[in-house]
Amino acid sequence: MTAFSIPILETARLILREHRLEDFPAILKMWSDPDVTRLIGGKPRAEEEVWMKFLRNAGLWAHLGYGYWVLVERDSGAVIGEIGLADFKRDLTPSIKGMPELGYALAPSAHGKGYASEAARAVVAWGDQHLSEDTMSCIISPENLASIRVAEKCGFREAARADYHGDETLIFHRDVFNRS
């Protein structure tokens, strides 16, 4: 296995860092909340499922060279969400396999504060500097207007509509820039 390190990204109000075991209770609480999951999968997650997501997020970096960060509110030190890039090999048409997919979820206490946009901009900027792929993607429920706004602020544009697990899903694409 190749050695790797997960970069720390900082914004005016947030720190994006690696997952730590002590983050699990906050992440479990977030993914168990119906307000968080209503438009992301449709149902609160059980502890076992959240644990598997938690471990998967930690493992992405080792295999892809990119992955998910924990969002920490700079002033309070509270874990308020997760954000990152992944290739989940989703069964979608058109396919987004091989494209780093931006994803994010924030605890209800962090909703409406602009944190998602702030963190997404930092992740996209990191991707512009470090990804070898030409396109990033993200998938969003058509009902998730707040998430659509975040994606559009970061330069994503709707590319297609698809059925994903029986629900209509919007597929967004964004070109990766700043190749040097």
C-alpha atoms as a PDB file:
ATOM      1  CA  MET A   1       0.000   0.000   0.000  1.00  0.00           C
ATOM      2  CA  THR A   2       1.230   3.468  -0.856  1.00  0.00           C
ATOM      3  CA  ALA A   3       1.664   5.997   1.929  1.00  0.00           C
ATOM      4  CA  PHE A   4      -0.653   8.957   1.676  1.00  0.00           C
ATOM      5  CA  SER A   5      -1.691  11.956   3.667  1.00  0.00           C
ATOM      6  CA  ILE A   6      -5.035  13.677   3.756  1.00  0.00           C
ATOM      7  CA  PRO A   7      -4.623  17.408   3.247  1.00  0.00           C
ATOM      8  CA  ILE A   8      -6.163  19.871   5.672  1.00  0.00           C
ATOM      9  CA  LEU A   9      -8.160  22.604   3.961  1.00  0.00           C
ATOM     10  CA  GLU A  10      -9.039  25.800   5.792  1.00  0.00           C
ATOM     11  CA  THR A  11     -11.582  28.478   4.999  1.00  0.00           C
ATOM     12  CA  ALA A  12     -12.582  31.573   6.913  1.00  0.00           C
ATOM     13  CA  ARG A  13     -14.980  29.603   9.125  1.00  0.00           C
ATOM     14  CA  LEU A  14     -14.179  25.935   8.571  1.00  0.00           C
ATOM     15  CA  ILE A  15     -11.469  23.319   8.840  1.00  0.00           C
ATOM     16  CA  LEU A  16     -11.715  20.321   6.526  1.00  0.00           C
ATOM     17  CA  ARG A  17      -9.665  17.435   7.898  1.00  0.00           C
ATOM     18  CA  GLU A  18      -9.392  13.639   8.014  1.00  0.00           C
ATOM     19  CA  HIS A  19     -11.968  11.484   9.757  1.00  0.00           C
ATOM     20  CA  ARG A  20     -11.033  10.551  13.313  1.00  0.00           C
ATOM     21  CA  LEU A  21     -12.588   7.836  15.446  1.00  0.00           C
ATOM     22  CA  GLU A  22     -13.840  10.439  17.928  1.00  0.00           C
ATOM     23  CA  ASP A  23     -15.861  12.066  15.096  1.00  0.00           C
ATOM     24  CA  PHE A  24     -18.121   9.039  14.748  1.00  0.00           C
ATOM     25  CA  PRO A  25     -20.797  10.063  17.303  1.00  0.00           C
ATOM     26  CA  ALA A  26     -21.342  13.423  15.559  1.00  0.00           C
ATOM     27  CA  ILE A  27     -21.403  11.783  12.116  1.00  0.00           C
ATOM     28  CA  LEU A  28     -23.852   9.123  13.373  1.00  0.00           C
ATOM     29  CA  LYS A  29     -26.123  11.812  14.809  1.00  0.00           C
ATOM     30  CA  MET A  30     -26.063  13.710  11.503  1.00  0.00           C
ATOM     31  CA  TRP A  31     -26.837  10.688   9.278  1.00  0.00           C
ATOM     32  CA  SER A  32     -29.549   9.516  11.713  1.00  0.00           C
ATOM     33  CA  ASP A  33     -31.425  12.814  11.378  1.00  0.00           C
ATOM     34  CA  PRO A  34     -34.440  12.751   9.027  1.00  0.00           C
ATOM     35  CA  ASP A  35     -33.845  16.412   8.084  1.00  0.00           C
ATOM     36  CA  VAL A  36     -30.402  15.467   6.725  1.00  0.00           C
ATOM     37  CA  THR A  37     -31.430  12.300   4.909  1.00  0.00           C
ATOM     38  CA  ARG A  38     -34.826  13.365   3.535  1.00  0.00           C
ATOM     39  CA  LEU A  39     -33.252  14.375   0.207  1.00  0.00           C
ATOM     40  CA  ILE A  40     -30.141  12.176   0.468  1.00  0.00           C
ATOM     41  CA  GLY A  41     -31.331   8.598   0.282  1.00  0.00           C
ATOM     42  CA  GLY A  42     -34.734   9.274   1.819  1.00  0.00           C
ATOM     43  CA  LYS A  43     -34.338   7.707   5.249  1.00  0.00           C
ATOM     44  CA  PRO A  44     -32.240   8.045   8.395  1.00  0.00           C
ATOM     45  CA  ARG A  45     -29.266   5.681   8.491  1.00  0.00           C
ATOM     46  CA  ALA A  46     -28.767   2.982  11.116  1.00  0.00           C
ATOM     47  CA  GLU A  47     -25.556   2.902  13.134  1.00  0.00           C
ATOM     48  CA  GLU A  48     -24.156  -0.047  11.138  1.00  0.00           C
ATOM     49  CA  GLU A  49     -24.673   1.751   7.822  1.00  0.00           C
ATOM     50  CA  VAL A  50     -23.137   4.985   9.127  1.00  0.00           C
ATOM     51  CA  TRP A  51     -20.160   3.029  10.452  1.00  0.00           C
ATOM     52  CA  MET A  52     -19.611   1.469   7.009  1.00  0.00           C
ATOM     53  CA  LYS A  53     -19.822   4.943   5.367  1.00  0.00           C
ATOM     54  CA  PHE A  54     -17.394   6.272   7.968  1.00  0.00           C
ATOM     55  CA  LEU A  55     -14.852   3.530   7.205  1.00  0.00           C
ATOM     56  CA  ARG A  56     -15.382   3.886   3.448  1.00  0.00           C
ATOM     57  CA  ASN A  57     -14.721   7.617   3.632  1.00  0.00           C
ATOM     58  CA  ALA A  58     -11.457   7.009   5.446  1.00  0.00           C
ATOM     59  CA  GLY A  59     -10.402   4.431   2.823  1.00  0.00           C
ATOM     60  CA  LEU A  60     -11.127   6.499  -0.277  1.00  0.00           C
ATOM     61  CA  TRP A  61      -7.907   8.475   0.062  1.00  0.00           C
ATOM     62  CA  ALA A  62      -5.673   5.410   0.028  1.00  0.00           C
ATOM     63  CA  HIS A  63      -7.113   4.068  -3.206  1.00  0.00           C
ATOM     64  CA  LEU A  64      -8.154   7.147  -5.186  1.00  0.00           C
ATOM     65  CA  GLY A  65      -5.849   9.911  -3.968  1.00  0.00           C
ATOM     66  CA  TYR A  66      -8.937  11.932  -3.031  1.00  0.00           C
ATOM     67  CA  GLY A  67     -11.832  11.420  -0.682  1.00  0.00           C
ATOM     68  CA  TYR A  68     -13.950  12.935   2.056  1.00  0.00           C
ATOM     69  CA  TRP A  69     -13.144  15.366   4.806  1.00  0.00           C
ATOM     70  CA  VAL A  70     -14.891  16.048   8.111  1.00  0.00           C
ATOM     71  CA  LEU A  71     -16.174  19.622   8.367  1.00  0.00           C
ATOM     72  CA  VAL A  72     -15.233  21.330  11.611  1.00  0.00           C
ATOM     73  CA  GLU A  73     -16.585  24.714  12.597  1.00  0.00           C
ATOM     74  CA  ARG A  74     -13.482  26.770  13.324  1.00  0.00           C
ATOM     75  CA  ASP A  75     -14.907  28.842  16.213  1.00  0.00           C
ATOM     76  CA  SER A  76     -16.613  26.050  18.159  1.00  0.00           C
ATOM     77  CA  GLY A  77     -14.547  23.025  17.109  1.00  0.00           C
ATOM     78  CA  ALA A  78     -17.807  21.151  16.448  1.00  0.00           C
ATOM     79  CA  VAL A  79     -18.008  18.483  13.740  1.00  0.00           C
ATOM     80  CA  ILE A  80     -20.793  19.740  11.483  1.00  0.00           C
ATOM     81  CA  GLY A  81     -20.660  17.510   8.422  1.00  0.00           C
ATOM     82  CA  GLU A  82     -18.761  15.728   5.690  1.00  0.00           C
ATOM     83  CA  ILE A  83     -17.700  16.792   2.215  1.00  0.00           C
ATOM     84  CA  GLY A  84     -15.482  15.377  -0.438  1.00  0.00           C
ATOM     85  CA  LEU A  85     -14.879  13.655  -3.736  1.00  0.00           C
ATOM     86  CA  ALA A  86     -15.363   9.981  -4.540  1.00  0.00           C
ATOM     87  CA  ASP A  87     -15.983   7.524  -7.334  1.00  0.00           C
ATOM     88  CA  PHE A  88     -18.724   5.274  -5.982  1.00  0.00           C
ATOM     89  CA  LYS A  89     -19.158   3.364  -9.292  1.00  0.00           C
ATOM     90  CA  ARG A  90     -22.849   4.288  -9.271  1.00  0.00           C
ATOM     91  CA  ASP A  91     -25.176   2.443 -11.638  1.00  0.00           C
ATOM     92  CA  LEU A  92     -26.384   5.500 -13.538  1.00  0.00           C
ATOM     93  CA  THR A  93     -27.093   6.295 -17.173  1.00  0.00           C
ATOM     94  CA  PRO A  94     -25.333   8.360 -18.288  1.00  0.00           C
ATOM     95  CA  SER A  95     -22.448   6.998 -16.288  1.00  0.00           C
ATOM     96  CA  ILE A  96     -20.333   9.109 -13.934  1.00  0.00           C
ATOM     97  CA  LYS A  97     -17.906   6.259 -13.250  1.00  0.00           C
ATOM     98  CA  GLY A  98     -14.343   7.525 -13.290  1.00  0.00           C
ATOM     99  CA  MET A  99     -15.396  11.116 -12.510  1.00  0.00           C
ATOM    100  CA  PRO A 100     -14.675  12.457  -9.032  1.00  0.00           C
ATOM    101  CA  GLU A 101     -18.122  13.059  -7.558  1.00  0.00           C
ATOM    102  CA  LEU A 102     -18.607  15.939  -5.124  1.00  0.00           C
ATOM    103  CA  GLY A 103     -20.816  15.096  -2.169  1.00  0.00           C
ATOM    104  CA  TYR A 104     -21.691  16.855   1.058  1.00  0.00           C
ATOM    105  CA  ALA A 105     -23.971  16.628   4.062  1.00  0.00           C
ATOM    106  CA  LEU A 106     -24.240  18.995   7.005  1.00  0.00           C
ATOM    107  CA  ALA A 107     -25.872  18.701  10.401  1.00  0.00           C
ATOM    108  CA  PRO A 108     -29.111  20.691  10.774  1.00  0.00           C
ATOM    109  CA  SER A 109     -27.363  23.133  13.134  1.00  0.00           C
ATOM    110  CA  ALA A 110     -25.134  24.136  10.195  1.00  0.00           C
ATOM    111  CA  HIS A 111     -27.882  24.563   7.604  1.00  0.00           C
ATOM    112  CA  GLY A 112     -28.531  28.000   6.139  1.00  0.00           C
ATOM    113  CA  LYS A 113     -25.179  29.502   7.158  1.00  0.00           C
ATOM    114  CA  GLY A 114     -23.345  29.205   3.839  1.00  0.00           C
ATOM    115  CA  TYR A 115     -21.032  26.503   5.178  1.00  0.00           C
ATOM    116  CA  ALA A 116     -21.801  24.054   2.346  1.00  0.00           C
ATOM    117  CA  SER A 117     -20.875  26.620  -0.315  1.00  0.00           C
ATOM    118  CA  GLU A 118     -17.749  27.668   1.564  1.00  0.00           C
ATOM    119  CA  ALA A 119     -16.566  24.083   1.980  1.00  0.00           C
ATOM    120  CA  ALA A 120     -17.525  23.053  -1.568  1.00  0.00           C
ATOM    121  CA  ARG A 121     -15.527  25.928  -3.032  1.00  0.00           C
ATOM    122  CA  ALA A 122     -12.484  24.787  -1.047  1.00  0.00           C
ATOM    123  CA  VAL A 123     -12.873  21.174  -2.222  1.00  0.00           C
ATOM    124  CA  VAL A 124     -13.378  22.188  -5.860  1.00  0.00           C
ATOM    125  CA  ALA A 125     -10.315  24.451  -5.708  1.00  0.00           C
ATOM    126  CA  TRP A 126      -8.299  21.570  -4.242  1.00  0.00           C
ATOM    127  CA  GLY A 127      -9.603  19.309  -7.029  1.00  0.00           C
ATOM    128  CA  ASP A 128      -8.626  21.825  -9.696  1.00  0.00           C
ATOM    129  CA  GLN A 129      -5.040  21.599  -8.455  1.00  0.00           C
ATOM    130  CA  HIS A 130      -4.789  17.865  -7.743  1.00  0.00           C
ATOM    131  CA  LEU A 131      -7.120  15.802  -9.937  1.00  0.00           C
ATOM    132  CA  SER A 132      -5.978  14.151 -13.143  1.00  0.00           C
ATOM    133  CA  GLU A 133      -9.544  13.700 -14.409  1.00  0.00           C
ATOM    134  CA  ASP A 134     -11.082  16.331 -16.709  1.00  0.00           C
ATOM    135  CA  THR A 135     -14.571  16.458 -15.183  1.00  0.00           C
ATOM    136  CA  MET A 136     -16.106  16.435 -11.707  1.00  0.00           C
ATOM    137  CA  SER A 137     -19.698  15.355 -11.172  1.00  0.00           C
ATOM    138  CA  CYS A 138     -22.357  15.463  -8.506  1.00  0.00           C
ATOM    139  CA  ILE A 139     -25.840  14.014  -8.213  1.00  0.00           C
ATOM    140  CA  ILE A 140     -28.672  15.843  -6.493  1.00  0.00           C
ATOM    141  CA  SER A 141     -32.377  15.269  -5.946  1.00  0.00           C
ATOM    142  CA  PRO A 142     -34.405  17.768  -8.013  1.00  0.00           C
ATOM    143  CA  GLU A 143     -36.174  18.747  -4.765  1.00  0.00           C
ATOM    144  CA  ASN A 144     -32.906  19.693  -3.032  1.00  0.00           C
ATOM    145  CA  LEU A 145     -32.828  23.320  -4.146  1.00  0.00           C
ATOM    146  CA  ALA A 146     -30.260  24.363  -1.539  1.00  0.00           C
ATOM    147  CA  SER A 147     -27.823  21.699  -2.724  1.00  0.00           C
ATOM    148  CA  ILE A 148     -28.407  22.637  -6.359  1.00  0.00           C
ATOM    149  CA  ARG A 149     -27.518  26.246  -5.502  1.00  0.00           C
ATOM    150  CA  VAL A 150     -24.290  25.104  -3.807  1.00  0.00           C
ATOM    151  CA  ALA A 151     -23.289  23.067  -6.866  1.00  0.00           C
ATOM    152  CA  GLU A 152     -24.088  25.902  -9.269  1.00  0.00           C
ATOM    153  CA  LYS A 153     -22.066  28.395  -7.188  1.00  0.00           C
ATOM    154  CA  CYS A 154     -19.091  26.060  -7.672  1.00  0.00           C
ATOM    155  CA  GLY A 155     -19.492  25.930 -11.455  1.00  0.00           C
ATOM    156  CA  PHE A 156     -21.473  22.706 -11.823  1.00  0.00           C
ATOM    157  CA  ARG A 157     -24.152  22.650 -14.530  1.00  0.00           C
ATOM    158  CA  GLU A 158     -26.965  20.168 -15.024  1.00  0.00           C
ATOM    159  CA  ALA A 159     -25.870  17.607 -17.611  1.00  0.00           C
ATOM    160  CA  ALA A 160     -28.607  14.972 -17.430  1.00  0.00           C
ATOM    161  CA  ARG A 161     -31.479  13.481 -15.502  1.00  0.00           C
ATOM    162  CA  ALA A 162     -31.404   9.853 -14.451  1.00  0.00           C
ATOM    163  CA  ASP A 163     -33.211   7.263 -12.403  1.00  0.00           C
ATOM    164  CA  TYR A 164     -31.155   6.284  -9.365  1.00  0.00           C
ATOM    165  CA  HIS A 165     -32.608   3.637  -7.061  1.00  0.00           C
ATOM    166  CA  GLY A 166     -36.112   4.492  -8.266  1.00  0.00           C
ATOM    167  CA  ASP A 167     -35.829   8.243  -7.768  1.00  0.00           C
ATOM    168  CA  GLU A 168     -35.238  10.990 -10.288  1.00  0.00           C
ATOM    169  CA  THR A 169     -31.717  12.373  -9.908  1.00  0.00           C
ATOM    170  CA  LEU A 170     -30.011  15.343 -11.509  1.00  0.00           C
ATOM    171  CA  ILE A 171     -26.465  14.775 -12.751  1.00  0.00           C
ATOM    172  CA  PHE A 172     -24.196  17.821 -12.739  1.00  0.00           C
ATOM    173  CA  HIS A 173     -20.765  18.212 -14.357  1.00  0.00           C
ATOM    174  CA  ARG A 174     -17.946  20.714 -13.916  1.00  0.00           C
ATOM    175  CA  ASP A 175     -14.709  20.965 -15.860  1.00  0.00           C
ATOM    176  CA  VAL A 176     -11.504  20.660 -13.839  1.00  0.00           C
ATOM    177  CA  PHE A 177      -9.297  23.747 -14.296  1.00  0.00           C
ATOM    178  CA  ASN A 178      -5.795  25.046 -13.513  1.00  0.00           C
ATOM    179  CA  ARG A 179      -3.741  22.212 -14.905  1.00  0.00           C
ATOM    180  CA  SER A 180      -0.068  22.924 -14.496  1.00  0.00           C
END
